[in-house]
C-alpha atoms as a PDB file:
ATOM      1  CA  UNK A   1      77.381  90.307 139.552  1.00  0.00           C
ATOM      2  CA  UNK A   2      76.750  87.294 137.146  1.00  0.00           C
ATOM      3  CA  UNK A   3      78.799  84.914 134.964  1.00  0.00           C
ATOM      4  CA  UNK A   4      77.737  84.634 131.384  1.00  0.00           C
ATOM      5  CA  UNK A   5      79.933  80.887 129.621  1.00  0.00           C
ATOM      6  CA  UNK A   6      79.977  81.644 125.931  1.00  0.00           C
ATOM      7  CA  UNK A   7      82.013  79.739 123.446  1.00  0.00           C
ATOM      8  CA  UNK A   8      85.183  81.705 122.317  1.00  0.00           C
ATOM      9  CA  UNK A   9      84.646  80.799 118.211  1.00  0.00           C
ATOM     10  CA  UNK A  10      80.956  80.845 117.579  1.00  0.00           C
ATOM     11  CA  UNK A  11      79.393  82.508 120.297  1.00  0.00           C
ATOM     12  CA  UNK A  12      75.329  81.138 122.023  1.00  0.00           C
ATOM     13  CA  UNK A  13      73.065  83.993 120.221  1.00  0.00           C
ATOM     14  CA  UNK A  14      70.977  83.845 123.560  1.00  0.00           C
ATOM     15  CA  UNK A  15      73.703  84.642 125.860  1.00  0.00           C
ATOM     16  CA  UNK A  16      74.981  87.357 123.971  1.00  0.00           C
ATOM     17  CA  UNK A  17      71.734  88.977 123.508  1.00  0.00           C
ATOM     18  CA  UNK A  18      71.331  89.219 127.252  1.00  0.00           C
ATOM     19  CA  UNK A  19      74.950  90.863 127.150  1.00  0.00           C
ATOM     20  CA  UNK A  20      73.516  93.582 124.804  1.00  0.00           C
ATOM     21  CA  UNK A  21      70.986  94.263 126.913  1.00  0.00           C
ATOM     22  CA  UNK A  22      72.730  94.555 130.170  1.00  0.00           C
ATOM     23  CA  UNK A  23      74.295  97.387 128.129  1.00  0.00           C
ATOM     24  CA  UNK A  24      71.449  98.836 126.957  1.00  0.00           C
ATOM     25  CA  UNK A  25      70.394  98.872 130.489  1.00  0.00           C
ATOM     26  CA  UNK A  26      73.873 100.861 131.501  1.00  0.00           C
ATOM     27  CA  UNK A  27      75.765  97.629 132.847  1.00  0.00           C
ATOM     28  CA  UNK A  28      79.592  97.488 133.457  1.00  0.00           C
ATOM     29  CA  UNK A  29      80.331  94.307 131.635  1.00  0.00           C
ATOM     30  CA  UNK A  30      83.700  92.175 131.183  1.00  0.00           C
ATOM     31  CA  UNK A  31      84.619  90.565 127.695  1.00  0.00           C
ATOM     32  CA  UNK A  32      87.391  89.465 126.159  1.00  0.00           C
ATOM     33  CA  UNK A  33      89.086  91.242 124.067  1.00  0.00           C
ATOM     34  CA  UNK A  34      92.184  91.531 121.929  1.00  0.00           C
ATOM     35  CA  UNK A  35      93.821  93.066 124.879  1.00  0.00           C
ATOM     36  CA  UNK A  36      92.661  90.525 127.309  1.00  0.00           C
ATOM     37  CA  UNK A  37      89.731  90.912 129.506  1.00  0.00           C
ATOM     38  CA  UNK A  38      88.299  94.495 129.208  1.00  0.00           C
ATOM     39  CA  UNK A  39      85.564  96.538 131.172  1.00  0.00           C
ATOM     40  CA  UNK A  40      82.311  97.342 128.209  1.00  0.00           C
ATOM     41  CA  UNK A  41      80.144 100.038 128.803  1.00  0.00           C
ATOM     42  CA  UNK A  42      77.158 101.630 126.275  1.00  0.00           C
ATOM     43  CA  UNK A  43      78.858 104.530 124.228  1.00  0.00           C
ATOM     44  CA  UNK A  44      75.697 106.783 125.701  1.00  0.00           C
ATOM     45  CA  UNK A  45      75.840 105.065 129.454  1.00  0.00           C
ATOM     46  CA  UNK A  46      76.790 108.500 131.352  1.00  0.00           C
ATOM     47  CA  UNK A  47      76.586 106.689 135.111  1.00  0.00           C
ATOM     48  CA  UNK A  48      78.573 103.773 133.771  1.00  0.00           C
ATOM     49  CA  UNK A  49      81.051 105.879 132.392  1.00  0.00           C
ATOM     50  CA  UNK A  50      81.409 108.201 135.409  1.00  0.00           C
ATOM     51  CA  UNK A  51      81.636 104.608 137.683  1.00  0.00           C
ATOM     52  CA  UNK A  52      84.249 103.050 135.445  1.00  0.00           C
ATOM     53  CA  UNK A  53      86.046 106.858 136.563  1.00  0.00           C
ATOM     54  CA  UNK A  54      86.402 104.994 140.501  1.00  0.00           C
ATOM     55  CA  UNK A  55      87.436 101.748 139.118  1.00  0.00           C
ATOM     56  CA  UNK A  56      90.582 101.668 140.530  1.00  0.00           C
ATOM     57  CA  UNK A  57      91.830  98.698 138.178  1.00  0.00           C
ATOM     58  CA  UNK A  58      91.206 100.924 135.486  1.00  0.00           C
ATOM     59  CA  UNK A  59      93.627 103.394 133.318  1.00  0.00           C
ATOM     60  CA  UNK A  60      92.778 106.125 132.955  1.00  0.00           C
ATOM     61  CA  UNK A  61      94.922 107.458 130.616  1.00  0.00           C
ATOM     62  CA  UNK A  62      93.293 107.982 127.703  1.00  0.00           C
ATOM     63  CA  UNK A  63      92.045 104.779 128.533  1.00  0.00           C
ATOM     64  CA  UNK A  64      88.767 105.059 126.502  1.00  0.00           C
ATOM     65  CA  UNK A  65      88.825 102.835 123.065  1.00  0.00           C
ATOM     66  CA  UNK A  66      85.376 102.781 120.500  1.00  0.00           C
ATOM     67  CA  UNK A  67      85.246  99.054 119.320  1.00  0.00           C
ATOM     68  CA  UNK A  68      83.985  99.378 115.703  1.00  0.00           C
ATOM     69  CA  UNK A  69      83.356  96.661 113.107  1.00  0.00           C
ATOM     70  CA  UNK A  70      84.095  98.456 110.262  1.00  0.00           C
ATOM     71  CA  UNK A  71      85.952 101.708 109.016  1.00  0.00           C
ATOM     72  CA  UNK A  72      82.623 102.808 107.969  1.00  0.00           C
ATOM     73  CA  UNK A  73      81.112 102.758 111.642  1.00  0.00           C
ATOM     74  CA  UNK A  74      84.942 104.595 112.807  1.00  0.00           C
ATOM     75  CA  UNK A  75      83.069 107.372 110.279  1.00  0.00           C
ATOM     76  CA  UNK A  76      80.464 107.503 112.745  1.00  0.00           C
ATOM     77  CA  UNK A  77      82.209 108.213 115.645  1.00  0.00           C
ATOM     78  CA  UNK A  78      85.440 110.493 113.982  1.00  0.00           C
ATOM     79  CA  UNK A  79      86.545 112.673 111.153  1.00  0.00           C
ATOM     80  CA  UNK A  80      88.737 110.302 108.860  1.00  0.00           C
ATOM     81  CA  UNK A  81      90.012 112.550 105.779  1.00  0.00           C
ATOM     82  CA  UNK A  82      91.021 110.326 102.652  1.00  0.00           C
ATOM     83  CA  UNK A  83      95.093 110.145 103.981  1.00  0.00           C
ATOM     84  CA  UNK A  84      93.332 108.416 106.842  1.00  0.00           C
ATOM     85  CA  UNK A  85      91.121 106.164 105.261  1.00  0.00           C
ATOM     86  CA  UNK A  86      94.157 104.566 103.653  1.00  0.00           C
ATOM     87  CA  UNK A  87      96.223 103.929 106.568  1.00  0.00           C
ATOM     88  CA  UNK A  88      93.478 102.654 108.472  1.00  0.00           C
ATOM     89  CA  UNK A  89      92.393 100.156 105.341  1.00  0.00           C
ATOM     90  CA  UNK A  90      96.286  99.185 104.717  1.00  0.00           C
ATOM     91  CA  UNK A  91      97.322  98.938 108.813  1.00  0.00           C
ATOM     92  CA  UNK A  92      96.079  95.891 110.660  1.00  0.00           C
ATOM     93  CA  UNK A  93      93.603  94.504 113.028  1.00  0.00           C
ATOM     94  CA  UNK A  94      95.615  95.474 115.850  1.00  0.00           C
ATOM     95  CA  UNK A  95      95.887  98.486 115.671  1.00  0.00           C
ATOM     96  CA  UNK A  96      93.854 101.490 117.789  1.00  0.00           C
ATOM     97  CA  UNK A  97      93.634 104.787 115.737  1.00  0.00           C
ATOM     98  CA  UNK A  98      93.931 108.333 117.641  1.00  0.00           C
ATOM     99  CA  UNK A  99      91.261 110.403 115.487  1.00  0.00           C
ATOM    100  CA  UNK A 100      89.382 113.495 115.942  1.00  0.00           C
ATOM    101  CA  UNK A 101      86.448 113.077 117.542  1.00  0.00           C
ATOM    102  CA  UNK A 102      82.845 114.004 116.219  1.00  0.00           C
ATOM    103  CA  UNK A 103      79.757 115.179 118.105  1.00  0.00           C
ATOM    104  CA  UNK A 104      78.286 112.436 118.288  1.00  0.00           C
ATOM    105  CA  UNK A 105      81.053 110.850 121.068  1.00  0.00           C
ATOM    106  CA  UNK A 106      79.946 111.912 124.669  1.00  0.00           C
ATOM    107  CA  UNK A 107      82.181 114.197 125.301  1.00  0.00           C
ATOM    108  CA  UNK A 108      83.391 112.228 128.673  1.00  0.00           C
ATOM    109  CA  UNK A 109      85.390 110.307 126.615  1.00  0.00           C
ATOM    110  CA  UNK A 110      87.358 112.604 124.552  1.00  0.00           C
ATOM    111  CA  UNK A 111      90.353 114.373 126.150  1.00  0.00           C
ATOM    112  CA  UNK A 112      91.311 117.492 125.789  1.00  0.00           C
ATOM    113  CA  UNK A 113      92.661 117.272 122.216  1.00  0.00           C
ATOM    114  CA  UNK A 114      89.004 116.210 121.093  1.00  0.00           C
ATOM    115  CA  UNK A 115      90.608 113.405 120.073  1.00  0.00           C
ATOM    116  CA  UNK A 116      89.489 109.738 120.890  1.00  0.00           C
ATOM    117  CA  UNK A 117      90.506 106.228 120.129  1.00  0.00           C
ATOM    118  CA  UNK A 118      89.302 103.850 118.041  1.00  0.00           C
ATOM    119  CA  UNK A 119      89.833 100.700 116.357  1.00  0.00           C
ATOM    120  CA  UNK A 120      88.452  97.981 114.626  1.00  0.00           C
ATOM    121  CA  UNK A 121      87.227  94.525 116.069  1.00  0.00           C
ATOM    122  CA  UNK A 122      89.221  90.990 115.189  1.00  0.00           C
ATOM    123  CA  UNK A 123      87.751  89.257 117.877  1.00  0.00           C
ATOM    124  CA  UNK A 124      84.901  86.356 116.681  1.00  0.00           C
ATOM    125  CA  UNK A 125      82.977  86.952 120.577  1.00  0.00           C
ATOM    126  CA  UNK A 126      83.238  91.178 120.182  1.00  0.00           C
ATOM    127  CA  UNK A 127      82.269  91.003 116.794  1.00  0.00           C
ATOM    128  CA  UNK A 128      78.835  88.760 116.792  1.00  0.00           C
ATOM    129  CA  UNK A 129      78.303  91.437 120.002  1.00  0.00           C
ATOM    130  CA  UNK A 130      78.801  94.097 118.233  1.00  0.00           C
ATOM    131  CA  UNK A 131      76.795  93.037 115.501  1.00  0.00           C
ATOM    132  CA  UNK A 132      73.733  92.145 117.092  1.00  0.00           C
ATOM    133  CA  UNK A 133      73.913  96.220 118.831  1.00  0.00           C
ATOM    134  CA  UNK A 134      74.818  98.151 115.736  1.00  0.00           C
ATOM    135  CA  UNK A 135      76.614 100.614 116.661  1.00  0.00           C
ATOM    136  CA  UNK A 136      80.028 101.187 118.581  1.00  0.00           C
ATOM    137  CA  UNK A 137      80.701  99.972 122.237  1.00  0.00           C
ATOM    138  CA  UNK A 138      83.473 101.890 124.469  1.00  0.00           C
ATOM    139  CA  UNK A 139      86.058  99.615 125.664  1.00  0.00           C
ATOM    140  CA  UNK A 140      87.755 100.764 129.273  1.00  0.00           C
ATOM    141  CA  UNK A 141      91.506  98.853 129.465  1.00  0.00           C
ATOM    142  CA  UNK A 142      92.306  97.106 132.847  1.00  0.00           C
ATOM    143  CA  UNK A 143      95.978  97.988 134.429  1.00  0.00           C
ATOM    144  CA  UNK A 144      97.344  94.737 133.997  1.00  0.00           C
ATOM    145  CA  UNK A 145     100.178  95.487 136.849  1.00  0.00           C
ATOM    146  CA  UNK A 146      96.937  95.508 139.507  1.00  0.00           C
ATOM    147  CA  UNK A 147      95.148  92.341 137.697  1.00  0.00           C
ATOM    148  CA  UNK A 148      95.760  89.445 135.528  1.00  0.00           C
ATOM    149  CA  UNK A 149      93.609  90.492 132.367  1.00  0.00           C
ATOM    150  CA  UNK A 150      94.727  86.832 130.703  1.00  0.00           C
ATOM    151  CA  UNK A 151      91.680  85.040 132.896  1.00  0.00           C
ATOM    152  CA  UNK A 152      88.522  85.917 134.154  1.00  0.00           C
ATOM    153  CA  UNK A 153      89.218  84.563 138.007  1.00  0.00           C
ATOM    154  CA  UNK A 154      91.926  88.149 139.194  1.00  0.00           C
ATOM    155  CA  UNK A 155      88.248  89.989 137.464  1.00  0.00           C
ATOM    156  CA  UNK A 156      86.018  87.503 139.054  1.00  0.00           C
ATOM    157  CA  UNK A 157      88.055  88.300 143.193  1.00  0.00           C
ATOM    158  CA  UNK A 158      88.718  92.132 142.338  1.00  0.00           C
ATOM    159  CA  UNK A 159      86.122  93.587 140.445  1.00  0.00           C
ATOM    160  CA  UNK A 160      83.241  91.141 141.684  1.00  0.00           C
ATOM    161  CA  UNK A 161      81.478  94.413 143.459  1.00  0.00           C
ATOM    162  CA  UNK A 162      81.702  96.996 140.206  1.00  0.00           C
ATOM    163  CA  UNK A 163      81.194  95.163 137.391  1.00  0.00           C
ATOM    164  CA  UNK A 164      77.209  94.034 136.244  1.00  0.00           C
ATOM    165  CA  UNK A 165      78.500  90.733 133.899  1.00  0.00           C
ATOM    166  CA  UNK A 166      81.147  89.042 133.763  1.00  0.00           C
ATOM    167  CA  UNK A 167      81.514  87.059 130.418  1.00  0.00           C
ATOM    168  CA  UNK A 168      83.687  84.109 130.584  1.00  0.00           C
ATOM    169  CA  UNK A 169      85.129  82.220 127.849  1.00  0.00           C
ATOM    170  CA  UNK A 170      88.197  80.826 130.579  1.00  0.00           C
ATOM    171  CA  UNK A 171      91.655  82.288 129.018  1.00  0.00           C
ATOM    172  CA  UNK A 172      91.596  83.945 125.849  1.00  0.00           C
ATOM    173  CA  UNK A 173      94.871  85.461 123.846  1.00  0.00           C
ATOM    174  CA  UNK A 174      96.082  89.081 124.874  1.00  0.00           C
ATOM    175  CA  UNK A 175      97.704  90.972 121.233  1.00  0.00           C
ATOM    176  CA  UNK A 176      99.933  93.320 121.629  1.00  0.00           C
ATOM    177  CA  UNK A 177      98.148  96.082 119.988  1.00  0.00           C
ATOM    178  CA  UNK A 178      99.712  99.168 118.371  1.00  0.00           C
ATOM    179  CA  UNK A 179      98.261 103.227 118.689  1.00  0.00           C
ATOM    180  CA  UNK A 180      99.285 104.875 115.487  1.00  0.00           C
ATOM    181  CA  UNK A 181      97.527 108.443 116.386  1.00  0.00           C
ATOM    182  CA  UNK A 182      96.447 110.591 112.523  1.00  0.00           C
ATOM    183  CA  UNK A 183      95.292 113.675 113.705  1.00  0.00           C
ATOM    184  CA  UNK A 184      98.065 114.704 112.152  1.00  0.00           C
ATOM    185  CA  UNK A 185      97.433 113.570 109.349  1.00  0.00           C
ATOM    186  CA  UNK A 186      96.711 115.812 106.446  1.00  0.00           C
ATOM    187  CA  UNK A 187      94.346 114.595 103.152  1.00  0.00           C
END
């Protein structure tokens, strides 16, 4: 496992480019997010997403969340009506939305109701990464009962052979993320 040390507020572009290259190559990356360290994969990296399913420390029950920069990026992957748009626009950035997935989302990420979790990011580290990728990435949440997610040290010890890259920023602040199911919200 390779480790990159990024500045939490002003990430170095050349190191972010290495993260982008790893994602595009289908690698699994441990990356700091607003829910703590989580595993990231490219949206179309089928083998990496399948490998994530075999990692014991990952929450598997509807734990895939697409991370997007803004509402227009969210609309590329989910059907959003006017009422849902207004709700998303007025909600805080610490909200994960459950929406009906469209055909741009790979089938292995969609639950049995054809829904997907989508979140607009607020973190400078994630925003910088999404700007360079020009698309969504998939976040796979880790189970906080099995692994400490606010520092990279448990991840180094417990997931060493299961991930390809660890982005290290020391300790991070964890936010409470609320989930809003907007699938029943009519226009």
